[in-house]
Amino acid sequence: MFQSPSPGAAASPVPSATSSLSGGRLPQYESVRHMVFGSVAAVERTIKLLYKLNYAEPNDWSKPIPTGQPNEVVVVLTKRVRV
């Protein structure tokens, strides 16, 4: 279990949010775009999998757009990532 610190022991300081970043700089972000092509069923399954993996909310994706190929749609997700 947890032990309380011994008398006179100094607690270690908790770093602030900015000091934990490299050099105290603010994080930089870029947009990336994901495109998923396939049948409606395959695309929906992929979106659900990425949601289960905590990557993107299902509502963050575009509506399915027909590609002109038989039984094929494309969905797009634009996501901001820290670089």
Protein backbone atom coordinates (compact mmCIF):
# COMPACT_ATOMS: atom_id res chain seq x y z
CA MET A 1 0.00 0.00 0.00
CA PHE A 2 0.97 3.66 0.15
CA GLN A 3 3.39 4.88 2.77
CA SER A 4 3.36 8.36 4.18
CA PRO A 5 6.64 10.24 3.84
CA SER A 6 8.94 10.10 6.84
CA PRO A 7 9.08 13.24 9.00
CA GLY A 8 11.34 15.89 7.53
CA ALA A 9 11.35 14.31 4.05
CA ALA A 10 10.81 16.85 1.30
CA ALA A 11 8.16 16.08 -1.27
CA SER A 12 9.36 16.04 -4.86
CA PRO A 13 8.06 19.04 -6.81
CA VAL A 14 5.36 18.42 -9.38
CA PRO A 15 6.37 19.85 -12.77
CA SER A 16 4.04 22.41 -14.25
CA ALA A 17 2.31 21.76 -17.56
CA THR A 18 4.60 24.13 -19.43
CA SER A 19 7.83 22.84 -17.94
CA SER A 20 7.04 19.30 -19.04
CA LEU A 21 7.02 20.43 -22.69
CA SER A 22 10.32 20.50 -24.53
CA GLY A 23 12.11 23.66 -23.48
CA GLY A 24 8.91 25.25 -22.11
CA ARG A 25 7.70 26.01 -25.66
CA LEU A 26 4.07 25.76 -26.60
CA PRO A 27 3.22 22.63 -28.62
CA GLN A 28 2.93 22.97 -32.38
CA TYR A 29 0.01 21.40 -34.24
CA GLU A 30 -0.53 20.36 -37.86
CA SER A 31 -3.57 19.02 -39.65
CA VAL A 32 -3.51 15.56 -41.16
CA ARG A 33 -6.19 14.11 -43.38
CA HIS A 34 -7.24 10.46 -43.34
CA MET A 35 -9.21 9.01 -46.24
CA VAL A 36 -10.86 5.59 -46.05
CA PHE A 37 -12.11 3.94 -49.24
CA GLY A 38 -14.31 0.86 -49.37
CA SER A 39 -17.85 -0.43 -49.18
CA VAL A 40 -20.18 1.35 -46.77
CA ALA A 41 -20.00 -1.64 -44.39
CA ALA A 42 -16.19 -1.78 -44.44
CA VAL A 43 -15.86 1.98 -43.95
CA GLU A 44 -18.33 1.95 -41.03
CA ARG A 45 -16.46 -0.94 -39.41
CA THR A 46 -13.16 0.93 -39.75
CA ILE A 47 -14.65 4.07 -38.18
CA LYS A 48 -15.98 2.01 -35.25
CA LEU A 49 -12.57 0.35 -34.79
CA LEU A 50 -10.78 3.72 -34.73
CA TYR A 51 -13.33 4.91 -32.17
CA LYS A 52 -12.68 1.84 -29.99
CA LEU A 53 -8.97 2.62 -30.19
CA ASN A 54 -9.79 6.12 -28.92
CA TYR A 55 -8.49 7.76 -32.09
CA ALA A 56 -11.52 9.61 -33.50
CA GLU A 57 -15.19 10.11 -32.79
CA PRO A 58 -17.55 8.69 -35.43
CA ASN A 59 -19.13 12.13 -35.91
CA ASP A 60 -15.71 13.60 -36.81
CA TRP A 61 -15.74 11.80 -40.18
CA SER A 62 -17.39 13.18 -43.30
CA LYS A 63 -20.52 11.58 -44.69
CA PRO A 64 -19.79 8.79 -47.20
CA ILE A 65 -19.10 10.18 -50.66
CA PRO A 66 -19.55 7.91 -53.70
CA THR A 67 -16.30 7.49 -55.66
CA GLY A 68 -17.86 6.51 -58.95
CA GLN A 69 -16.60 2.95 -58.55
CA PRO A 70 -19.22 0.26 -57.95
CA ASN A 71 -19.95 -0.29 -54.24
CA GLU A 72 -17.26 2.17 -53.12
CA VAL A 73 -17.41 5.30 -50.95
CA VAL A 74 -14.80 7.50 -49.32
CA VAL A 75 -14.91 9.21 -45.93
CA VAL A 76 -12.49 11.87 -44.74
CA LEU A 77 -11.23 12.77 -41.28
CA THR A 78 -9.16 15.88 -40.62
CA LYS A 79 -7.33 15.71 -37.32
CA ARG A 80 -4.93 18.09 -35.59
CA VAL A 81 -1.84 16.36 -34.25
CA ARG A 82 0.95 17.67 -32.09
CA VAL A 83 4.35 17.71 -33.80
